[in-house]
Amino acid sequence: MLQETFILLLTKYSNNHELINELWLEIEKHYSSKKRYYHTLQHLDNLLMQLNKVKTNIQDWDTVLFSLYYHDIIYNALKSDNEEKSAELAINSMQQLAIPSQMIDACKQQILATKSHLVNQQNDTNYFTDADLSVLGQDWEIYLKYCQNVRKEYSYYPNLIYNAGRKKVLKHFLAMDRIYKTDYFFNEFEKQAKQNLTNELELL
């Protein structure tokens, strides 16, 4: 599903099948890194599933798809510029495909928006960042697995440092009036997300 959707997206803008295949293999390579436990192809698959549920509410579906595939393509737990690096790689790939500049800029902004997950003037971006956070509102067992995988990605850090940083993240989300900006994701996940975040905070 992921590969098929990506190839169908790119063939709308290019008939260079060799380039399209190279770009897919690049995505597959990055998201299949042995250092990744949560930010994987499974994450992209879940994100695509969530976004498909609200597809009719999204104005520029193609741009959101590009954002989906590239938003975590660069991920290093020791760095704080993953979103910026991911956006740079997305821009480079989209320019090779001769994607319109306004789409490239919108994709860049959507990827950068995943750094803070704040309310955005562009509703497509709100749907995208909400879908990116949908894991927070899953059943506790799924959420707990997500927590464990994130911890594995940050295995470089001892518990003392990791727990302090993780608590800061959890408190950041809990302090928000609402985690999800769109009504669909708010109604679907808000209550469970806040419960999950509270439960994790108590475990740390």
C-alpha atoms as a PDB file:
ATOM      1  CA  MET A   1       0.000   0.000   0.000  1.00  0.00           C
ATOM      2  CA  LEU A   2       2.751   2.460   0.948  1.00  0.00           C
ATOM      3  CA  GLN A   3       4.909   1.746  -2.079  1.00  0.00           C
ATOM      4  CA  GLU A   4       1.953   1.635  -4.447  1.00  0.00           C
ATOM      5  CA  THR A   5       0.598   4.963  -3.169  1.00  0.00           C
ATOM      6  CA  PHE A   6       4.032   6.593  -3.463  1.00  0.00           C
ATOM      7  CA  ILE A   7       4.591   5.397  -7.022  1.00  0.00           C
ATOM      8  CA  LEU A   8       1.098   6.462  -8.110  1.00  0.00           C
ATOM      9  CA  LEU A   9       1.741   9.896  -6.593  1.00  0.00           C
ATOM     10  CA  LEU A  10       5.051  10.394  -8.364  1.00  0.00           C
ATOM     11  CA  THR A  11       3.860   9.131 -11.767  1.00  0.00           C
ATOM     12  CA  LYS A  12       1.453  12.084 -11.809  1.00  0.00           C
ATOM     13  CA  TYR A  13       4.477  14.379 -12.060  1.00  0.00           C
ATOM     14  CA  SER A  14       7.159  12.319 -13.806  1.00  0.00           C
ATOM     15  CA  ASN A  15       7.496   9.467 -16.284  1.00  0.00           C
ATOM     16  CA  ASN A  16      11.076   8.804 -15.173  1.00  0.00           C
ATOM     17  CA  HIS A  17      10.451   5.400 -13.640  1.00  0.00           C
ATOM     18  CA  GLU A  18      14.108   4.916 -12.742  1.00  0.00           C
ATOM     19  CA  LEU A  19      14.061   8.107 -10.660  1.00  0.00           C
ATOM     20  CA  ILE A  20      10.748   7.185  -9.055  1.00  0.00           C
ATOM     21  CA  ASN A  21      12.128   3.790  -8.063  1.00  0.00           C
ATOM     22  CA  GLU A  22      15.307   5.374  -6.681  1.00  0.00           C
ATOM     23  CA  LEU A  23      13.271   7.783  -4.552  1.00  0.00           C
ATOM     24  CA  TRP A  24      11.163   4.942  -3.154  1.00  0.00           C
ATOM     25  CA  LEU A  25      14.259   2.884  -2.316  1.00  0.00           C
ATOM     26  CA  GLU A  26      15.697   5.915  -0.531  1.00  0.00           C
ATOM     27  CA  ILE A  27      12.564   6.206   1.617  1.00  0.00           C
ATOM     28  CA  GLU A  28      12.528   2.471   2.293  1.00  0.00           C
ATOM     29  CA  LYS A  29      16.200   2.524   3.313  1.00  0.00           C
ATOM     30  CA  HIS A  30      15.832   5.408   5.767  1.00  0.00           C
ATOM     31  CA  TYR A  31      12.660   4.174   7.462  1.00  0.00           C
ATOM     32  CA  SER A  32      14.024   0.603   7.685  1.00  0.00           C
ATOM     33  CA  SER A  33      17.171   1.622   9.570  1.00  0.00           C
ATOM     34  CA  LYS A  34      18.067  -0.753  12.400  1.00  0.00           C
ATOM     35  CA  LYS A  35      18.250   2.259  14.728  1.00  0.00           C
ATOM     36  CA  ARG A  36      14.523   2.891  14.260  1.00  0.00           C
ATOM     37  CA  TYR A  37      11.810   1.276  16.334  1.00  0.00           C
ATOM     38  CA  TYR A  38       8.902   3.721  16.039  1.00  0.00           C
ATOM     39  CA  HIS A  39       9.730   6.065  13.129  1.00  0.00           C
ATOM     40  CA  THR A  40       9.460   3.219  10.639  1.00  0.00           C
ATOM     41  CA  LEU A  41       7.465   2.272   7.544  1.00  0.00           C
ATOM     42  CA  GLN A  42       4.789   1.027   9.959  1.00  0.00           C
ATOM     43  CA  HIS A  43       4.465   4.582  11.268  1.00  0.00           C
ATOM     44  CA  LEU A  44       3.952   5.821   7.704  1.00  0.00           C
ATOM     45  CA  ASP A  45       1.407   3.095   7.073  1.00  0.00           C
ATOM     46  CA  ASN A  46      -0.565   4.075  10.177  1.00  0.00           C
ATOM     47  CA  LEU A  47      -0.370   7.732   9.205  1.00  0.00           C
ATOM     48  CA  LEU A  48      -1.689   6.976   5.719  1.00  0.00           C
ATOM     49  CA  MET A  49      -4.554   4.987   7.205  1.00  0.00           C
ATOM     50  CA  GLN A  50      -5.533   7.868   9.505  1.00  0.00           C
ATOM     51  CA  LEU A  51      -5.293  10.472   6.744  1.00  0.00           C
ATOM     52  CA  ASN A  52      -7.398   8.396   4.369  1.00  0.00           C
ATOM     53  CA  LYS A  53     -10.239   8.716   6.884  1.00  0.00           C
ATOM     54  CA  VAL A  54     -10.240  12.504   6.445  1.00  0.00           C
ATOM     55  CA  LYS A  55      -9.189  12.663   2.789  1.00  0.00           C
ATOM     56  CA  THR A  56     -12.357  14.503   1.753  1.00  0.00           C
ATOM     57  CA  ASN A  57     -11.475  17.313   4.190  1.00  0.00           C
ATOM     58  CA  ILE A  58      -7.992  17.823   2.755  1.00  0.00           C
ATOM     59  CA  GLN A  59      -7.611  20.371  -0.032  1.00  0.00           C
ATOM     60  CA  ASP A  60      -4.205  19.370  -1.415  1.00  0.00           C
ATOM     61  CA  TRP A  61      -3.935  15.624  -0.962  1.00  0.00           C
ATOM     62  CA  ASP A  62      -0.758  15.268  -3.030  1.00  0.00           C
ATOM     63  CA  THR A  63       1.182  17.725  -0.882  1.00  0.00           C
ATOM     64  CA  VAL A  64       0.057  15.961   2.289  1.00  0.00           C
ATOM     65  CA  LEU A  65       1.241  12.658   0.813  1.00  0.00           C
ATOM     66  CA  PHE A  66       4.684  14.098   0.074  1.00  0.00           C
ATOM     67  CA  SER A  67       4.806  15.375   3.664  1.00  0.00           C
ATOM     68  CA  LEU A  68       3.818  11.952   4.939  1.00  0.00           C
ATOM     69  CA  TYR A  69       6.647  10.148   3.157  1.00  0.00           C
ATOM     70  CA  TYR A  70       9.354  12.674   3.957  1.00  0.00           C
ATOM     71  CA  HIS A  71       8.502  14.102   7.392  1.00  0.00           C
ATOM     72  CA  ASP A  72      10.664  11.625   9.337  1.00  0.00           C
ATOM     73  CA  ILE A  73      13.008  10.483   6.581  1.00  0.00           C
ATOM     74  CA  ILE A  74      15.914  11.966   8.561  1.00  0.00           C
ATOM     75  CA  TYR A  75      15.753  10.875  12.182  1.00  0.00           C
ATOM     76  CA  ASN A  76      18.652  10.954  14.591  1.00  0.00           C
ATOM     77  CA  ALA A  77      17.760  10.850  18.288  1.00  0.00           C
ATOM     78  CA  LEU A  78      20.944  12.776  19.080  1.00  0.00           C
ATOM     79  CA  LYS A  79      20.027  15.718  16.831  1.00  0.00           C
ATOM     80  CA  SER A  80      17.422  18.476  17.123  1.00  0.00           C
ATOM     81  CA  ASP A  81      17.236  19.413  13.447  1.00  0.00           C
ATOM     82  CA  ASN A  82      15.592  16.273  12.060  1.00  0.00           C
ATOM     83  CA  GLU A  83      12.575  18.140  10.705  1.00  0.00           C
ATOM     84  CA  GLU A  84      14.755  20.710   8.939  1.00  0.00           C
ATOM     85  CA  LYS A  85      16.953  17.986   7.407  1.00  0.00           C
ATOM     86  CA  SER A  86      13.881  15.990   6.369  1.00  0.00           C
ATOM     87  CA  ALA A  87      12.391  19.075   4.731  1.00  0.00           C
ATOM     88  CA  GLU A  88      15.646  19.687   2.846  1.00  0.00           C
ATOM     89  CA  LEU A  89      15.621  16.153   1.486  1.00  0.00           C
ATOM     90  CA  ALA A  90      11.946  16.477   0.525  1.00  0.00           C
ATOM     91  CA  ILE A  91      12.658  19.717  -1.353  1.00  0.00           C
ATOM     92  CA  ASN A  92      15.533  18.103  -3.236  1.00  0.00           C
ATOM     93  CA  SER A  93      13.427  15.092  -4.242  1.00  0.00           C
ATOM     94  CA  MET A  94      10.424  17.175  -5.276  1.00  0.00           C
ATOM     95  CA  GLN A  95      12.603  19.501  -7.358  1.00  0.00           C
ATOM     96  CA  GLN A  96      13.947  16.481  -9.256  1.00  0.00           C
ATOM     97  CA  LEU A  97      10.330  15.648 -10.088  1.00  0.00           C
ATOM     98  CA  ALA A  98       9.613  19.241 -11.191  1.00  0.00           C
ATOM     99  CA  ILE A  99       6.869  19.589  -8.572  1.00  0.00           C
ATOM    100  CA  PRO A 100       5.314  23.106  -8.544  1.00  0.00           C
ATOM    101  CA  SER A 101       7.124  25.449  -6.159  1.00  0.00           C
ATOM    102  CA  GLN A 102       3.996  26.228  -4.126  1.00  0.00           C
ATOM    103  CA  MET A 103       3.570  22.511  -3.370  1.00  0.00           C
ATOM    104  CA  ILE A 104       7.217  22.215  -2.376  1.00  0.00           C
ATOM    105  CA  ASP A 105       6.912  25.158  -0.003  1.00  0.00           C
ATOM    106  CA  ALA A 106       3.667  23.788   1.497  1.00  0.00           C
ATOM    107  CA  CYS A 107       5.331  20.406   2.044  1.00  0.00           C
ATOM    108  CA  LYS A 108       8.286  22.082   3.734  1.00  0.00           C
ATOM    109  CA  GLN A 109       5.972  23.967   6.081  1.00  0.00           C
ATOM    110  CA  GLN A 110       4.003  20.818   6.934  1.00  0.00           C
ATOM    111  CA  ILE A 111       7.160  18.892   7.781  1.00  0.00           C
ATOM    112  CA  LEU A 112       8.471  21.731   9.947  1.00  0.00           C
ATOM    113  CA  ALA A 113       5.071  21.903  11.694  1.00  0.00           C
ATOM    114  CA  THR A 114       5.679  18.424  13.154  1.00  0.00           C
ATOM    115  CA  LYS A 115       8.379  19.988  15.347  1.00  0.00           C
ATOM    116  CA  SER A 116       5.841  21.754  17.594  1.00  0.00           C
ATOM    117  CA  HIS A 117       2.401  20.444  16.525  1.00  0.00           C
ATOM    118  CA  LEU A 118       0.819  23.842  17.129  1.00  0.00           C
ATOM    119  CA  VAL A 119      -2.331  25.176  15.480  1.00  0.00           C
ATOM    120  CA  ASN A 120      -1.607  26.208  11.893  1.00  0.00           C
ATOM    121  CA  GLN A 121      -3.395  28.619   9.573  1.00  0.00           C
ATOM    122  CA  GLN A 122      -3.481  25.878   6.927  1.00  0.00           C
ATOM    123  CA  ASN A 123      -6.078  23.257   7.783  1.00  0.00           C
ATOM    124  CA  ASP A 124      -4.308  20.595   5.702  1.00  0.00           C
ATOM    125  CA  THR A 125      -1.335  21.026   8.026  1.00  0.00           C
ATOM    126  CA  ASN A 126      -3.563  20.606  11.077  1.00  0.00           C
ATOM    127  CA  TYR A 127      -4.941  17.345   9.707  1.00  0.00           C
ATOM    128  CA  PHE A 128      -1.415  16.162   8.939  1.00  0.00           C
ATOM    129  CA  THR A 129       0.047  16.947  12.361  1.00  0.00           C
ATOM    130  CA  ASP A 130      -3.044  15.533  14.098  1.00  0.00           C
ATOM    131  CA  ALA A 131      -2.656  12.265  12.201  1.00  0.00           C
ATOM    132  CA  ASP A 132       1.031  12.239  13.167  1.00  0.00           C
ATOM    133  CA  LEU A 133      -0.054  12.370  16.839  1.00  0.00           C
ATOM    134  CA  SER A 134      -2.857   9.821  16.502  1.00  0.00           C
ATOM    135  CA  VAL A 135      -0.728   7.198  18.253  1.00  0.00           C
ATOM    136  CA  LEU A 136      -1.150   9.157  21.490  1.00  0.00           C
ATOM    137  CA  GLY A 137      -4.860   8.362  21.512  1.00  0.00           C
ATOM    138  CA  GLN A 138      -4.680   4.630  20.809  1.00  0.00           C
ATOM    139  CA  ASP A 139      -5.598   1.918  23.299  1.00  0.00           C
ATOM    140  CA  TRP A 140      -3.195   1.763  26.230  1.00  0.00           C
ATOM    141  CA  GLU A 141      -1.479  -1.438  24.997  1.00  0.00           C
ATOM    142  CA  ILE A 142      -0.653   0.177  21.639  1.00  0.00           C
ATOM    143  CA  TYR A 143       0.425   3.388  23.332  1.00  0.00           C
ATOM    144  CA  LEU A 144       2.677   1.470  25.735  1.00  0.00           C
ATOM    145  CA  LYS A 145       4.361  -0.288  22.801  1.00  0.00           C
ATOM    146  CA  TYR A 146       4.895   3.126  21.206  1.00  0.00           C
ATOM    147  CA  CYS A 147       6.538   4.389  24.431  1.00  0.00           C
ATOM    148  CA  GLN A 148       8.830   1.366  24.533  1.00  0.00           C
ATOM    149  CA  ASN A 149       9.869   1.857  20.911  1.00  0.00           C
ATOM    150  CA  VAL A 150      10.590   5.546  21.438  1.00  0.00           C
ATOM    151  CA  ARG A 151      12.733   4.621  24.442  1.00  0.00           C
ATOM    152  CA  LYS A 152      14.696   2.188  22.245  1.00  0.00           C
ATOM    153  CA  GLU A 153      15.368   4.962  19.753  1.00  0.00           C
ATOM    154  CA  TYR A 154      16.771   7.033  22.613  1.00  0.00           C
ATOM    155  CA  SER A 155      18.778   4.148  24.064  1.00  0.00           C
ATOM    156  CA  TYR A 156      21.901   6.346  23.980  1.00  0.00           C
ATOM    157  CA  TYR A 157      20.581   8.216  26.986  1.00  0.00           C
ATOM    158  CA  PRO A 158      20.520   6.881  30.559  1.00  0.00           C
ATOM    159  CA  ASN A 159      17.143   6.837  32.336  1.00  0.00           C
ATOM    160  CA  LEU A 160      17.954   9.925  34.379  1.00  0.00           C
ATOM    161  CA  ILE A 161      18.374  12.075  31.272  1.00  0.00           C
ATOM    162  CA  TYR A 162      15.726  10.364  29.134  1.00  0.00           C
ATOM    163  CA  ASN A 163      13.025  10.474  31.807  1.00  0.00           C
ATOM    164  CA  ALA A 164      13.584  14.178  32.434  1.00  0.00           C
ATOM    165  CA  GLY A 165      13.272  14.956  28.740  1.00  0.00           C
ATOM    166  CA  ARG A 166      10.278  12.677  28.276  1.00  0.00           C
ATOM    167  CA  LYS A 167       8.458  14.254  31.225  1.00  0.00           C
ATOM    168  CA  LYS A 168       8.957  17.658  29.623  1.00  0.00           C
ATOM    169  CA  VAL A 169       7.367  16.407  26.385  1.00  0.00           C
ATOM    170  CA  LEU A 170       4.421  14.810  28.189  1.00  0.00           C
ATOM    171  CA  LYS A 171       3.762  17.925  30.265  1.00  0.00           C
ATOM    172  CA  HIS A 172       3.939  20.050  27.106  1.00  0.00           C
ATOM    173  CA  PHE A 173       1.096  18.074  25.522  1.00  0.00           C
ATOM    174  CA  LEU A 174      -0.938  17.874  28.713  1.00  0.00           C
ATOM    175  CA  ALA A 175      -0.703  21.654  29.137  1.00  0.00           C
ATOM    176  CA  MET A 176      -2.371  22.230  25.767  1.00  0.00           C
ATOM    177  CA  ASP A 177      -6.039  23.228  25.770  1.00  0.00           C
ATOM    178  CA  ARG A 178      -6.440  20.531  23.152  1.00  0.00           C
ATOM    179  CA  ILE A 179      -3.826  18.262  21.616  1.00  0.00           C
ATOM    180  CA  TYR A 180      -5.716  17.785  18.360  1.00  0.00           C
ATOM    181  CA  LYS A 181      -6.511  20.850  16.281  1.00  0.00           C
ATOM    182  CA  THR A 182      -9.180  19.327  14.032  1.00  0.00           C
ATOM    183  CA  ASP A 183     -12.590  18.275  15.299  1.00  0.00           C
ATOM    184  CA  TYR A 184     -12.301  14.792  13.805  1.00  0.00           C
ATOM    185  CA  PHE A 185      -9.085  13.869  15.593  1.00  0.00           C
ATOM    186  CA  PHE A 186     -10.134  15.705  18.757  1.00  0.00           C
ATOM    187  CA  ASN A 187     -13.364  13.700  19.004  1.00  0.00           C
ATOM    188  CA  GLU A 188     -11.581  10.481  18.078  1.00  0.00           C
ATOM    189  CA  PHE A 189      -8.481  10.613  20.274  1.00  0.00           C
ATOM    190  CA  GLU A 190      -8.296  13.558  22.712  1.00  0.00           C
ATOM    191  CA  LYS A 191      -9.725  11.893  25.829  1.00  0.00           C
ATOM    192  CA  GLN A 192      -7.673   8.702  25.466  1.00  0.00           C
ATOM    193  CA  ALA A 193      -4.523  10.649  24.575  1.00  0.00           C
ATOM    194  CA  LYS A 194      -4.633  12.717  27.753  1.00  0.00           C
ATOM    195  CA  GLN A 195      -5.257   9.585  29.797  1.00  0.00           C
ATOM    196  CA  ASN A 196      -2.313   7.812  28.148  1.00  0.00           C
ATOM    197  CA  LEU A 197       0.009  10.767  28.656  1.00  0.00           C
ATOM    198  CA  THR A 198      -1.018  11.014  32.316  1.00  0.00           C
ATOM    199  CA  ASN A 199      -0.456   7.276  32.804  1.00  0.00           C
ATOM    200  CA  GLU A 200       3.012   7.405  31.234  1.00  0.00           C
ATOM    201  CA  LEU A 201       3.958  10.411  33.345  1.00  0.00           C
ATOM    202  CA  GLU A 202       3.056   8.471  36.478  1.00  0.00           C
ATOM    203  CA  LEU A 203       5.265   5.549  35.344  1.00  0.00           C
ATOM    204  CA  LEU A 204       8.377   7.696  34.891  1.00  0.00           C
END
